[in-house]
Amino acid sequence: MHTIKLDIPDDNDYTLLLKLLHRLGIKTKPDGREEMNGNGKKMAYALKKLAKAGGIHSIDNPAEWERQNRKDRNLP
């Protein structure tokens, strides 16, 4: 087995290369960029929304804020 480490600054090139490697059946180890799909994008959106509201200092009652904002499950 051979290992190659690449530094790819352009996200589009990175995505294209990943697709090619997967198509060729070459295994890859994620470097964190894949996490920007799905939940990563949701987290980025939530953090931007929080920052626009004034950051965590704008939350008077964190437990109440979480109850109002968590949609994935009911909180006590």
C-alpha atoms as a PDB file:
ATOM      1  CA  MET A   1       0.000   0.000   0.000  1.00  0.00           C
ATOM      2  CA  HIS A   2       1.143   3.544  -0.781  1.00  0.00           C
ATOM      3  CA  THR A   3       0.090   6.752   0.936  1.00  0.00           C
ATOM      4  CA  ILE A   4       0.036  10.211  -0.620  1.00  0.00           C
ATOM      5  CA  LYS A   5      -0.722  13.456   1.202  1.00  0.00           C
ATOM      6  CA  LEU A   6      -1.907  16.359  -0.942  1.00  0.00           C
ATOM      7  CA  ASP A   7      -2.456  19.993  -0.032  1.00  0.00           C
ATOM      8  CA  ILE A   8      -5.298  21.210  -2.241  1.00  0.00           C
ATOM      9  CA  PRO A   9      -6.260  24.825  -1.535  1.00  0.00           C
ATOM     10  CA  ASP A  10      -9.193  25.010  -3.958  1.00  0.00           C
ATOM     11  CA  ASP A  11     -12.405  23.389  -2.642  1.00  0.00           C
ATOM     12  CA  ASN A  12     -13.717  22.683  -6.150  1.00  0.00           C
ATOM     13  CA  ASP A  13     -10.516  20.848  -7.109  1.00  0.00           C
ATOM     14  CA  TYR A  14     -10.666  18.937  -3.820  1.00  0.00           C
ATOM     15  CA  THR A  15     -14.253  17.836  -4.475  1.00  0.00           C
ATOM     16  CA  LEU A  16     -13.456  16.820  -8.040  1.00  0.00           C
ATOM     17  CA  LEU A  17     -10.438  14.791  -6.939  1.00  0.00           C
ATOM     18  CA  LEU A  18     -12.451  13.043  -4.211  1.00  0.00           C
ATOM     19  CA  LYS A  19     -15.127  12.041  -6.723  1.00  0.00           C
ATOM     20  CA  LEU A  20     -12.472  10.639  -9.065  1.00  0.00           C
ATOM     21  CA  LEU A  21     -10.757   8.699  -6.276  1.00  0.00           C
ATOM     22  CA  HIS A  22     -14.045   7.201  -5.111  1.00  0.00           C
ATOM     23  CA  ARG A  23     -14.975   6.269  -8.680  1.00  0.00           C
ATOM     24  CA  LEU A  24     -11.634   4.496  -9.067  1.00  0.00           C
ATOM     25  CA  GLY A  25     -12.229   2.650  -5.801  1.00  0.00           C
ATOM     26  CA  ILE A  26      -9.366   4.349  -3.991  1.00  0.00           C
ATOM     27  CA  LYS A  27      -9.966   4.720  -0.259  1.00  0.00           C
ATOM     28  CA  THR A  28      -9.529   8.149   1.306  1.00  0.00           C
ATOM     29  CA  LYS A  29      -9.373   9.451   4.843  1.00  0.00           C
ATOM     30  CA  PRO A  30     -11.528  12.521   5.476  1.00  0.00           C
ATOM     31  CA  ASP A  31      -9.717  15.710   6.456  1.00  0.00           C
ATOM     32  CA  GLY A  32     -12.735  17.514   7.838  1.00  0.00           C
ATOM     33  CA  ARG A  33     -13.960  19.161   4.650  1.00  0.00           C
ATOM     34  CA  GLU A  34     -16.534  16.409   4.079  1.00  0.00           C
ATOM     35  CA  GLU A  35     -18.164  17.451   7.329  1.00  0.00           C
ATOM     36  CA  MET A  36     -19.292  20.641   5.617  1.00  0.00           C
ATOM     37  CA  ASN A  37     -21.886  18.500   3.880  1.00  0.00           C
ATOM     38  CA  GLY A  38     -25.143  17.953   5.742  1.00  0.00           C
ATOM     39  CA  ASN A  39     -24.721  18.749   9.432  1.00  0.00           C
ATOM     40  CA  GLY A  40     -21.620  20.883   8.890  1.00  0.00           C
ATOM     41  CA  LYS A  41     -23.548  23.294   6.692  1.00  0.00           C
ATOM     42  CA  LYS A  42     -26.364  23.399   9.231  1.00  0.00           C
ATOM     43  CA  MET A  43     -23.877  24.159  12.003  1.00  0.00           C
ATOM     44  CA  ALA A  44     -22.228  26.899   9.954  1.00  0.00           C
ATOM     45  CA  TYR A  45     -25.636  28.466   9.307  1.00  0.00           C
ATOM     46  CA  ALA A  46     -26.570  28.271  13.002  1.00  0.00           C
ATOM     47  CA  LEU A  47     -23.291  29.885  14.060  1.00  0.00           C
ATOM     48  CA  LYS A  48     -23.704  32.716  11.544  1.00  0.00           C
ATOM     49  CA  LYS A  49     -27.260  33.276  12.755  1.00  0.00           C
ATOM     50  CA  LEU A  50     -26.059  33.378  16.372  1.00  0.00           C
ATOM     51  CA  ALA A  51     -23.257  35.784  15.485  1.00  0.00           C
ATOM     52  CA  LYS A  52     -25.711  38.143  13.749  1.00  0.00           C
ATOM     53  CA  ALA A  53     -27.851  38.148  16.892  1.00  0.00           C
ATOM     54  CA  GLY A  54     -24.894  39.362  18.940  1.00  0.00           C
ATOM     55  CA  GLY A  55     -23.194  36.101  19.849  1.00  0.00           C
ATOM     56  CA  ILE A  56     -23.690  34.086  22.997  1.00  0.00           C
ATOM     57  CA  HIS A  57     -23.891  37.250  25.088  1.00  0.00           C
ATOM     58  CA  SER A  58     -27.287  37.892  23.485  1.00  0.00           C
ATOM     59  CA  ILE A  59     -28.718  34.722  25.123  1.00  0.00           C
ATOM     60  CA  ASP A  60     -30.156  35.543  28.552  1.00  0.00           C
ATOM     61  CA  ASN A  61     -31.300  32.015  29.412  1.00  0.00           C
ATOM     62  CA  PRO A  62     -29.312  29.310  27.551  1.00  0.00           C
ATOM     63  CA  ALA A  63     -31.665  26.476  28.568  1.00  0.00           C
ATOM     64  CA  GLU A  64     -34.713  28.347  27.291  1.00  0.00           C
ATOM     65  CA  TRP A  65     -32.878  29.338  24.095  1.00  0.00           C
ATOM     66  CA  GLU A  66     -31.980  25.698  23.469  1.00  0.00           C
ATOM     67  CA  ARG A  67     -35.584  24.547  24.033  1.00  0.00           C
ATOM     68  CA  GLN A  68     -36.780  27.115  21.501  1.00  0.00           C
ATOM     69  CA  ASN A  69     -34.124  26.326  18.890  1.00  0.00           C
ATOM     70  CA  ARG A  70     -33.580  22.564  19.081  1.00  0.00           C
ATOM     71  CA  LYS A  71     -35.790  20.853  16.526  1.00  0.00           C
ATOM     72  CA  ASP A  72     -34.134  17.413  16.430  1.00  0.00           C
ATOM     73  CA  ARG A  73     -35.637  16.260  19.745  1.00  0.00           C
ATOM     74  CA  ASN A  74     -37.876  17.452  22.558  1.00  0.00           C
ATOM     75  CA  LEU A  75     -36.043  18.875  25.539  1.00  0.00           C
ATOM     76  CA  PRO A  76     -37.342  18.934  29.140  1.00  0.00           C
END
